């Protein structure tokens, strides 16, 4: 099927071809991948408290994994906002479930036929609302997972993340001995 995500191999950067020994100038020359500037993006001011906490948590994780770039701000904003929305859906859904339990108890206590009908209608409406929230929550979780894959924050995604070599660690005692350091 053309256009599906399984329709072919993913493009590989020329640097990767060189490392693998599969570089062919006729096929790979002139195709370089951009190197975004490393650094920490500034958080937008429009984040809720929950979204801001998730922003800070993700920035910390991405800094530790050395994959953060200043151009990640828009994707981080969308991820943090989506995370906050799904957390709010969970809170709302818990409140709706508590209300449903209260309505069930009221239904068991009342004997008036018209009151029972009204309570039953409210319960049905609440069940529909809870089902919609469950669907929205599931879709939100799938979208969050896609963002986590993009950021290399899932086990399978980490295998595809290629980092530049870490700078060599120097021993301060050896540096002094050879007259290189303080």
Protein backbone atom coordinates (compact mmCIF):
# COMPACT_ATOMS: atom_id res chain seq x y z
CA UNK A 1 0.00 0.00 0.00
CA UNK A 2 1.48 3.29 -1.03
CA UNK A 3 1.61 5.98 1.61
CA UNK A 4 1.34 3.74 4.64
CA UNK A 5 3.97 3.80 7.32
CA UNK A 6 5.08 0.30 6.29
CA UNK A 7 5.59 1.22 2.64
CA UNK A 8 9.38 1.26 2.67
CA UNK A 9 12.60 1.73 4.54
CA UNK A 10 13.27 4.86 6.47
CA UNK A 11 15.88 7.21 5.08
CA UNK A 12 19.35 6.88 6.56
CA UNK A 13 21.70 9.84 6.92
CA UNK A 14 24.85 9.80 4.77
CA UNK A 15 26.97 9.79 7.95
CA UNK A 16 25.34 6.51 8.94
CA UNK A 17 26.10 5.05 5.51
CA UNK A 18 29.74 6.07 5.94
CA UNK A 19 29.89 4.39 9.36
CA UNK A 20 28.24 1.23 8.01
CA UNK A 21 30.45 1.16 4.95
CA UNK A 22 27.46 1.41 2.60
CA UNK A 23 28.08 4.97 1.39
CA UNK A 24 27.75 5.34 -2.39
CA UNK A 25 28.52 8.81 -3.75
CA UNK A 26 26.13 8.35 -6.65
CA UNK A 27 23.23 7.71 -4.26
CA UNK A 28 24.12 9.52 -1.06
CA UNK A 29 26.23 12.57 -1.99
CA UNK A 30 24.56 15.91 -1.37
CA UNK A 31 22.00 14.49 1.06
CA UNK A 32 22.90 15.67 4.50
CA UNK A 33 20.67 15.78 7.54
CA UNK A 34 20.33 18.96 9.55
CA UNK A 35 21.98 19.15 12.96
CA UNK A 36 19.68 21.13 15.25
CA UNK A 37 21.46 23.31 17.79
CA UNK A 38 21.73 21.63 21.18
CA UNK A 39 20.32 23.44 24.17
CA UNK A 40 17.28 23.84 26.34
CA UNK A 41 14.21 25.48 24.79
CA UNK A 42 12.39 28.14 26.75
CA UNK A 43 8.97 27.03 27.99
CA UNK A 44 6.01 28.97 26.69
CA UNK A 45 4.13 31.00 29.26
CA UNK A 46 0.77 29.45 28.35
CA UNK A 47 1.31 26.11 30.10
CA UNK A 48 -0.93 25.04 32.96
CA UNK A 49 0.69 23.93 36.22
CA UNK A 50 0.43 20.23 35.29
CA UNK A 51 1.75 20.86 31.76
CA UNK A 52 4.64 22.96 33.13
CA UNK A 53 5.61 20.22 35.59
CA UNK A 54 5.62 17.68 32.74
CA UNK A 55 7.61 20.11 30.55
CA UNK A 56 10.27 20.38 33.27
CA UNK A 57 10.32 16.61 33.81
CA UNK A 58 10.74 15.88 30.08
CA UNK A 59 13.38 18.57 29.61
CA UNK A 60 15.36 17.04 32.46
CA UNK A 61 15.10 13.57 30.94
CA UNK A 62 16.03 14.74 27.45
CA UNK A 63 19.01 16.69 28.81
CA UNK A 64 20.26 13.60 30.63
CA UNK A 65 19.89 11.53 27.45
CA UNK A 66 21.69 14.29 25.47
CA UNK A 67 18.96 14.48 22.84
CA UNK A 68 17.45 17.89 23.62
CA UNK A 69 17.60 20.73 21.13
CA UNK A 70 16.31 24.29 21.25
CA UNK A 71 14.10 23.52 18.25
CA UNK A 72 12.16 20.91 20.26
CA UNK A 73 10.06 23.63 21.89
CA UNK A 74 6.93 23.18 19.75
CA UNK A 75 6.86 19.39 20.09
CA UNK A 76 7.52 19.65 23.84
CA UNK A 77 4.72 22.20 24.17
CA UNK A 78 2.27 19.93 22.34
CA UNK A 79 3.37 16.91 24.38
CA UNK A 80 3.11 18.72 27.74
CA UNK A 81 -0.30 20.20 26.85
CA UNK A 82 -1.60 16.80 25.75
CA UNK A 83 -0.27 15.22 28.93
CA UNK A 84 -2.10 17.82 31.05
CA UNK A 85 -5.32 17.26 29.08
CA UNK A 86 -5.21 13.50 29.65
CA UNK A 87 -4.55 14.01 33.35
CA UNK A 88 -7.60 16.31 33.53
CA UNK A 89 -9.70 13.68 31.76
CA UNK A 90 -8.67 11.20 34.48
CA UNK A 91 -9.71 13.64 37.22
CA UNK A 92 -13.05 14.38 35.53
CA UNK A 93 -13.71 10.70 34.92
CA UNK A 94 -13.08 9.86 38.59
CA UNK A 95 -15.58 12.54 39.63
CA UNK A 96 -18.13 11.16 37.16
CA UNK A 97 -17.66 7.64 38.54
CA UNK A 98 -18.24 8.93 42.09
CA UNK A 99 -21.42 10.67 40.93
CA UNK A 100 -22.53 7.46 39.24
CA UNK A 101 -22.05 5.54 42.50
CA UNK A 102 -24.14 8.16 44.32
CA UNK A 103 -26.91 7.88 41.72
CA UNK A 104 -26.89 4.07 42.06
CA UNK A 105 -27.29 4.37 45.82
CA UNK A 106 -30.14 6.86 45.35
CA UNK A 107 -31.78 4.52 42.85
CA UNK A 108 -31.70 1.66 45.35
CA UNK A 109 -33.24 3.79 48.11
CA UNK A 110 -36.07 5.39 46.17
CA UNK A 111 -39.35 3.64 45.44
CA UNK A 112 -41.06 6.43 43.49
CA UNK A 113 -41.37 5.34 39.87
CA UNK A 114 -40.84 8.82 38.33
CA UNK A 115 -37.75 9.45 40.53
CA UNK A 116 -36.33 6.07 39.50
CA UNK A 117 -36.86 6.99 35.83
CA UNK A 118 -35.08 10.34 36.24
CA UNK A 119 -32.18 8.67 38.11
CA UNK A 120 -31.90 5.97 35.44
CA UNK A 121 -31.80 8.59 32.67
CA UNK A 122 -29.05 10.48 34.50
CA UNK A 123 -27.10 7.26 34.98
CA UNK A 124 -27.37 6.38 31.29
CA UNK A 125 -26.18 9.86 30.32
CA UNK A 126 -23.31 9.55 32.78
CA UNK A 127 -22.33 6.14 31.39
CA UNK A 128 -22.19 7.64 27.89
CA UNK A 129 -20.05 10.53 29.16
CA UNK A 130 -17.68 8.13 30.93
CA UNK A 131 -17.39 6.00 27.77
CA UNK A 132 -16.50 9.10 25.72
CA UNK A 133 -13.91 10.11 28.32
CA UNK A 134 -12.43 6.60 28.18
CA UNK A 135 -12.14 6.87 24.40
CA UNK A 136 -10.55 10.32 24.66
CA UNK A 137 -8.14 9.06 27.29
CA UNK A 138 -7.12 6.09 25.13
CA UNK A 139 -6.54 8.36 22.13
CA UNK A 140 -4.57 10.76 24.30
CA UNK A 141 -2.36 7.94 25.53
CA UNK A 142 -1.68 6.81 21.97
CA UNK A 143 -0.76 10.35 20.95
CA UNK A 144 1.51 10.72 24.00
CA UNK A 145 3.23 7.47 23.05
CA UNK A 146 3.89 8.87 19.57
CA UNK A 147 5.54 11.94 21.10
CA UNK A 148 7.63 9.72 23.38
CA UNK A 149 8.80 7.74 20.36
CA UNK A 150 9.73 10.97 18.58
CA UNK A 151 11.81 12.02 21.58
CA UNK A 152 13.47 8.60 21.81
CA UNK A 153 11.88 7.93 25.21
CA UNK A 154 10.63 4.38 24.61
CA UNK A 155 12.78 1.23 24.72
CA UNK A 156 12.47 0.55 20.99
CA UNK A 157 12.96 4.20 20.03
CA UNK A 158 16.18 4.41 22.05
CA UNK A 159 17.78 1.82 19.78
CA UNK A 160 17.37 4.20 16.83
CA UNK A 161 18.79 7.28 18.55
CA UNK A 162 22.39 7.98 17.56
CA UNK A 163 24.34 10.32 19.79
CA UNK A 164 27.58 12.14 19.05
CA UNK A 165 30.53 10.71 20.96
CA UNK A 166 30.84 12.00 24.50
CA UNK A 167 33.82 14.26 25.15
CA UNK A 168 36.68 12.34 26.77
CA UNK A 169 36.91 12.60 30.52
CA UNK A 170 40.21 13.96 31.72
CA UNK A 171 41.77 13.07 35.02
CA UNK A 172 42.66 16.35 36.80
CA UNK A 173 45.78 14.76 38.33
CA UNK A 174 47.11 13.65 34.94
CA UNK A 175 46.26 17.05 33.43
CA UNK A 176 48.35 18.80 36.11
CA UNK A 177 51.20 16.34 35.67
CA UNK A 178 51.41 17.00 31.96
CA UNK A 179 50.92 20.76 32.43
CA UNK A 180 47.50 20.76 30.73
CA UNK A 181 45.24 21.89 33.50
CA UNK A 182 44.95 24.06 36.55
